[in-house]
């Protein structure tokens, strides 16, 4: 599957590529950003590990690439970073663009089962299957055997759930202000009700990080989560990291989940930029193990 390169931008000694490609799972062209560290641009045969960053509500692949400063630590450590979009675009589904928290820009990294959303809102399959396969086939520098995942808000939910459902596909996981228990917050209830149906409780649980953690039986975890104490969505109980922590404790995995509550920090990319190097370092610990 061919990628079109819309722009090539010098960044921290490497290159930030603005790409697009035709995606079957989402039934539309998908845009994304790909950062190649200096090691990968100087020698196209040099394999580098890959970190996926999943963005939050209303965002595209541009937001973190331009404001999150992940390239700084990734360039130093020789890690490529993939910044996908957050939903399909332009499917002409009625209501697709009516709200910031459902439809366009709000795919929630799930495969919808409820019509009409099931025809293109299949972001879980796109992120875990179609996009990585296409990238690894097109860019010889990317090492398919060394992949980690992280994300912010809705993207933090995506990172946690996709990791817990596919623990052998990723070397590590971390998150910024994740929607950690969507079944119990307004954002998640609206999205899951629309994508799965209001009474599809089993499907809700299958895409809820807190519920997945309760029944997780994979390898030992090392989850890093950063939350700001001045995050209004944390205060409004949209994120519920405390529920994720409680599930970890109940499962005997309290030591495997590290949640840092950062005084004064909010939900913005200022917080992501502040702690981006920490999350790159967390991924590098496993990508280079």
Protein backbone atom coordinates (compact mmCIF):
# COMPACT_ATOMS: atom_id res chain seq x y z
CA UNK A 1 0.00 0.00 0.00
CA UNK A 2 1.66 3.18 -1.20
CA UNK A 3 2.07 6.25 0.97
CA UNK A 4 2.05 9.75 -0.43
CA UNK A 5 4.49 12.15 1.19
CA UNK A 6 2.88 15.57 1.54
CA UNK A 7 5.82 17.22 3.31
CA UNK A 8 9.25 16.43 4.72
CA UNK A 9 10.30 18.57 7.70
CA UNK A 10 13.67 18.62 9.44
CA UNK A 11 13.21 17.89 13.15
CA UNK A 12 15.84 17.19 15.83
CA UNK A 13 18.31 15.92 13.24
CA UNK A 14 15.77 13.55 11.70
CA UNK A 15 12.77 13.94 9.42
CA UNK A 16 9.07 14.38 10.14
CA UNK A 17 7.09 13.03 7.19
CA UNK A 18 3.49 14.07 6.61
CA UNK A 19 1.90 11.09 4.88
CA UNK A 20 -1.41 9.84 3.53
CA UNK A 21 -2.61 6.50 2.21
CA UNK A 22 -5.81 4.75 1.16
CA UNK A 23 -7.01 2.56 4.03
CA UNK A 24 -9.43 -0.33 3.55
CA UNK A 25 -10.46 -0.70 7.20
CA UNK A 26 -11.60 2.92 7.44
CA UNK A 27 -12.91 3.21 3.87
CA UNK A 28 -11.08 6.48 3.26
CA UNK A 29 -7.71 8.13 2.85
CA UNK A 30 -5.92 8.42 6.18
CA UNK A 31 -3.34 11.07 7.07
CA UNK A 32 -0.54 10.55 9.57
CA UNK A 33 2.86 11.82 10.66
CA UNK A 34 5.99 9.67 10.83
CA UNK A 35 9.17 10.80 12.55
CA UNK A 36 12.35 9.08 11.39
CA UNK A 37 15.28 9.64 13.78
CA UNK A 38 18.71 10.62 12.44
CA UNK A 39 19.91 7.00 12.46
CA UNK A 40 17.14 6.03 10.04
CA UNK A 41 17.59 8.98 7.70
CA UNK A 42 21.38 8.71 7.48
CA UNK A 43 21.27 4.98 6.74
CA UNK A 44 18.04 3.65 5.17
CA UNK A 45 19.17 0.10 5.96
CA UNK A 46 19.47 0.79 9.69
CA UNK A 47 16.49 -0.69 11.55
CA UNK A 48 14.93 1.44 14.28
CA UNK A 49 12.15 0.56 16.76
CA UNK A 50 8.78 2.24 16.55
CA UNK A 51 6.60 4.09 19.06
CA UNK A 52 2.94 4.72 18.21
CA UNK A 53 1.36 7.83 19.73
CA UNK A 54 -2.45 7.84 19.72
CA UNK A 55 -3.99 11.30 20.04
CA UNK A 56 -7.13 12.43 21.84
CA UNK A 57 -10.55 13.85 21.00
CA UNK A 58 -10.65 16.39 18.13
CA UNK A 59 -6.97 15.82 17.33
CA UNK A 60 -5.22 14.60 14.20
CA UNK A 61 -1.76 13.17 13.68
CA UNK A 62 -0.44 16.72 13.53
CA UNK A 63 -1.08 17.79 17.11
CA UNK A 64 1.54 15.84 19.02
CA UNK A 65 3.98 15.85 16.12
CA UNK A 66 3.96 19.65 16.24
CA UNK A 67 3.42 20.32 19.97
CA UNK A 68 4.29 17.19 21.96
CA UNK A 69 8.10 17.21 21.55
CA UNK A 70 8.34 13.44 21.29
CA UNK A 71 10.92 13.88 18.54
CA UNK A 72 13.43 15.26 21.03
CA UNK A 73 13.84 12.07 23.05
CA UNK A 74 13.11 9.82 20.07
CA UNK A 75 15.94 11.39 18.06
CA UNK A 76 18.39 10.92 20.92
CA UNK A 77 17.45 7.28 21.41
CA UNK A 78 16.96 6.31 17.77
CA UNK A 79 13.22 5.61 17.83
CA UNK A 80 10.71 6.28 15.06
CA UNK A 81 7.36 7.77 16.12
CA UNK A 82 4.06 7.20 14.32
CA UNK A 83 1.27 9.75 14.84
CA UNK A 84 -1.95 8.40 13.27
CA UNK A 85 -5.26 10.22 12.89
CA UNK A 86 -8.03 9.68 15.44
CA UNK A 87 -10.86 8.57 13.14
CA UNK A 88 -11.91 8.12 9.53
CA UNK A 89 -12.71 11.33 7.71
CA UNK A 90 -15.41 12.29 5.26
CA UNK A 91 -17.47 9.11 5.21
CA UNK A 92 -20.66 11.18 4.89
CA UNK A 93 -22.39 9.38 7.74
CA UNK A 94 -25.27 11.38 9.15
CA UNK A 95 -24.17 13.05 12.38
CA UNK A 96 -20.49 12.32 11.80
CA UNK A 97 -19.45 15.94 12.30
CA UNK A 98 -22.09 17.02 14.82
CA UNK A 99 -20.12 16.64 18.06
CA UNK A 100 -16.51 16.85 19.18
CA UNK A 101 -16.74 13.64 21.23
CA UNK A 102 -18.33 11.25 18.74
CA UNK A 103 -17.70 10.60 15.05
CA UNK A 104 -15.00 12.61 13.28
CA UNK A 105 -11.96 13.04 15.53
CA UNK A 106 -13.44 10.63 18.07
CA UNK A 107 -13.01 7.09 16.78
CA UNK A 108 -12.06 5.82 20.26
CA UNK A 109 -9.72 3.21 18.73
CA UNK A 110 -12.48 0.60 18.55
CA UNK A 111 -14.10 -1.37 15.73
CA UNK A 112 -17.73 -0.23 15.71
CA UNK A 113 -20.38 -2.92 15.43
CA UNK A 114 -23.42 -0.64 15.31
CA UNK A 115 -24.68 0.60 11.94
CA UNK A 116 -23.85 2.90 10.24
CA UNK A 117 -20.54 3.31 12.10
CA UNK A 118 -19.43 -0.26 11.39
CA UNK A 119 -18.76 0.64 7.74
CA UNK A 120 -15.61 2.65 8.45
CA UNK A 121 -15.12 3.31 12.13
CA UNK A 122 -12.70 0.44 12.62
CA UNK A 123 -9.79 2.21 14.22
CA UNK A 124 -8.69 -0.76 16.33
CA UNK A 125 -8.06 -2.84 13.21
CA UNK A 126 -6.45 0.11 11.49
CA UNK A 127 -3.99 0.82 14.32
CA UNK A 128 -3.11 -2.78 15.18
CA UNK A 129 -3.12 -4.30 11.72
CA UNK A 130 -3.48 -2.31 8.52
CA UNK A 131 -1.36 0.75 9.36
CA UNK A 132 1.65 -1.06 10.87
CA UNK A 133 1.70 -3.61 8.04
CA UNK A 134 1.64 -0.84 5.47
CA UNK A 135 4.37 1.13 7.24
CA UNK A 136 6.67 -1.84 7.68
CA UNK A 137 6.24 -2.79 4.02
CA UNK A 138 6.96 0.73 2.79
CA UNK A 139 9.71 1.90 5.16
CA UNK A 140 12.55 -0.62 5.42
CA UNK A 141 14.04 1.31 8.36
CA UNK A 142 11.14 0.40 10.68
CA UNK A 143 11.64 -2.72 12.81
CA UNK A 144 8.34 -4.64 13.02
CA UNK A 145 9.67 -6.74 15.91
CA UNK A 146 10.14 -3.74 18.22
CA UNK A 147 6.97 -1.69 18.68
CA UNK A 148 5.62 0.23 21.68
CA UNK A 149 2.48 2.30 22.16
CA UNK A 150 1.44 5.41 24.07
CA UNK A 151 -1.29 8.04 23.84
CA UNK A 152 -3.20 10.93 25.35
CA UNK A 153 -6.75 11.08 26.72
CA UNK A 154 -8.88 9.10 24.23
CA UNK A 155 -5.54 7.98 22.80
CA UNK A 156 -4.38 6.93 26.26
CA UNK A 157 -7.49 4.77 26.42
CA UNK A 158 -6.55 3.40 23.01
CA UNK A 159 -2.97 2.67 24.03
CA UNK A 160 -3.98 0.88 27.22
CA UNK A 161 -6.76 -1.19 25.67
CA UNK A 162 -4.89 -2.17 22.52
CA UNK A 163 -1.90 -3.19 24.62
CA UNK A 164 -3.96 -5.21 27.12
CA UNK A 165 -5.77 -6.95 24.25
CA UNK A 166 -2.55 -7.55 22.28
CA UNK A 167 0.28 -7.74 24.84
CA UNK A 168 2.62 -9.64 22.54
CA UNK A 169 2.31 -7.03 19.79
CA UNK A 170 3.92 -4.27 21.87
CA UNK A 171 7.03 -4.07 24.02
CA UNK A 172 5.60 -1.43 26.38
CA UNK A 173 2.70 0.90 27.06
CA UNK A 174 2.25 4.30 28.68
CA UNK A 175 -0.40 7.00 28.69
CA UNK A 176 -1.07 10.67 29.39
CA UNK A 177 -4.38 11.42 31.14
CA UNK A 178 -6.10 8.34 29.71
CA UNK A 179 -9.85 7.76 29.69
CA UNK A 180 -9.11 4.75 31.86
CA UNK A 181 -12.64 3.54 32.62
CA UNK A 182 -14.84 4.66 29.71
CA UNK A 183 -17.80 2.50 30.73
CA UNK A 184 -18.23 4.78 33.75
CA UNK A 185 -17.66 8.25 32.29
CA UNK A 186 -19.80 10.43 30.00
CA UNK A 187 -17.34 10.44 27.10
CA UNK A 188 -17.03 6.66 27.05
CA UNK A 189 -20.72 6.00 27.59
CA UNK A 190 -21.62 8.21 24.64
CA UNK A 191 -19.00 6.65 22.37
CA UNK A 192 -19.64 3.04 23.35
CA UNK A 193 -23.38 3.50 23.16
CA UNK A 194 -23.04 4.83 19.62
CA UNK A 195 -20.41 2.42 18.35
CA UNK A 196 -21.61 -0.76 20.11
CA UNK A 197 -25.16 -0.11 21.28
CA UNK A 198 -26.46 1.04 24.63
CA UNK A 199 -26.88 -2.47 26.05
CA UNK A 200 -23.78 -4.18 24.62
CA UNK A 201 -22.14 -4.44 28.03
CA UNK A 202 -19.74 -7.23 27.03
CA UNK A 203 -18.41 -5.16 24.16
CA UNK A 204 -18.07 -2.14 26.42
CA UNK A 205 -16.00 -4.17 28.89
CA UNK A 206 -13.85 -5.57 26.08
CA UNK A 207 -12.74 -2.01 25.23
CA UNK A 208 -12.39 -0.63 28.76
CA UNK A 209 -8.86 -0.62 30.20
CA UNK A 210 -10.06 -0.99 33.79
CA UNK A 211 -12.22 -4.00 32.91
CA UNK A 212 -9.49 -5.54 30.76
CA UNK A 213 -6.97 -5.21 33.58
CA UNK A 214 -9.26 -7.14 35.91
CA UNK A 215 -9.02 -10.21 33.66
CA UNK A 216 -5.57 -9.69 32.15
CA UNK A 217 -3.50 -12.88 32.10
CA UNK A 218 -0.56 -11.82 29.95
CA UNK A 219 3.09 -11.15 30.84
CA UNK A 220 3.98 -8.85 33.78
CA UNK A 221 3.07 -5.22 33.17
CA UNK A 222 4.97 -1.97 33.54
CA UNK A 223 2.43 0.77 32.88
CA UNK A 224 3.42 4.43 33.18
CA UNK A 225 0.57 6.97 33.42
CA UNK A 226 0.87 10.73 33.90
CA UNK A 227 -2.13 12.78 35.07
CA UNK A 228 -2.23 16.48 35.94
CA UNK A 229 -3.88 17.53 39.19
CA UNK A 230 -5.19 20.65 37.41
CA UNK A 231 -6.72 18.64 34.57
CA UNK A 232 -10.38 19.69 34.39
CA UNK A 233 -11.38 16.39 32.79
CA UNK A 234 -9.75 14.52 35.66
CA UNK A 235 -11.72 16.69 38.08
CA UNK A 236 -14.92 16.04 36.09
CA UNK A 237 -14.43 12.24 36.39
CA UNK A 238 -13.93 11.72 32.67
CA UNK A 239 -10.57 9.98 33.14
CA UNK A 240 -10.94 7.85 36.29
CA UNK A 241 -7.31 6.71 36.66
CA UNK A 242 -8.17 5.86 40.28
CA UNK A 243 -10.44 3.08 38.99
CA UNK A 244 -7.60 1.66 36.92
CA UNK A 245 -5.33 1.78 39.98
CA UNK A 246 -7.98 0.01 42.07
CA UNK A 247 -8.30 -2.72 39.45
CA UNK A 248 -4.53 -3.18 39.46
CA UNK A 249 -4.51 -3.52 43.24
CA UNK A 250 -7.41 -6.00 43.21
CA UNK A 251 -5.61 -8.08 40.57
CA UNK A 252 -2.39 -8.13 42.58
CA UNK A 253 -0.68 -5.91 39.99
CA UNK A 254 -0.37 -2.71 42.01
CA UNK A 255 3.41 -2.69 41.58
CA UNK A 256 3.00 -3.01 37.80
CA UNK A 257 1.07 0.26 37.37
CA UNK A 258 2.71 3.61 38.11
CA UNK A 259 0.40 6.62 38.08
CA UNK A 260 2.05 9.99 38.64
CA UNK A 261 -0.22 12.84 39.70
CA UNK A 262 1.65 15.95 38.59
CA UNK A 263 0.88 19.06 40.61
CA UNK A 264 -0.52 21.97 38.60
CA UNK A 265 -0.48 20.26 35.22
CA UNK A 266 -3.53 20.27 32.97
CA UNK A 267 -4.88 18.26 30.01
CA UNK A 268 -2.95 20.15 27.34
CA UNK A 269 0.07 19.47 25.18
CA UNK A 270 2.13 21.54 27.61
CA UNK A 271 1.85 18.57 29.95
CA UNK A 272 2.65 16.09 27.20
CA UNK A 273 5.71 18.11 26.18
CA UNK A 274 6.90 18.25 29.80
CA UNK A 275 6.87 14.49 30.24
CA UNK A 276 7.40 13.30 26.66
CA UNK A 277 11.06 12.41 27.27
CA UNK A 278 10.01 10.24 30.23
CA UNK A 279 7.58 8.27 28.07
CA UNK A 280 10.14 7.84 25.30
CA UNK A 281 12.62 6.59 27.90
CA UNK A 282 10.01 4.20 29.27
CA UNK A 283 9.48 2.77 25.78
CA UNK A 284 13.23 2.65 25.07
CA UNK A 285 13.80 0.52 28.17
CA UNK A 286 11.85 -2.27 26.43
CA UNK A 287 12.48 -1.50 22.77
CA UNK A 288 16.22 -1.90 23.30
CA UNK A 289 16.08 -4.71 25.87
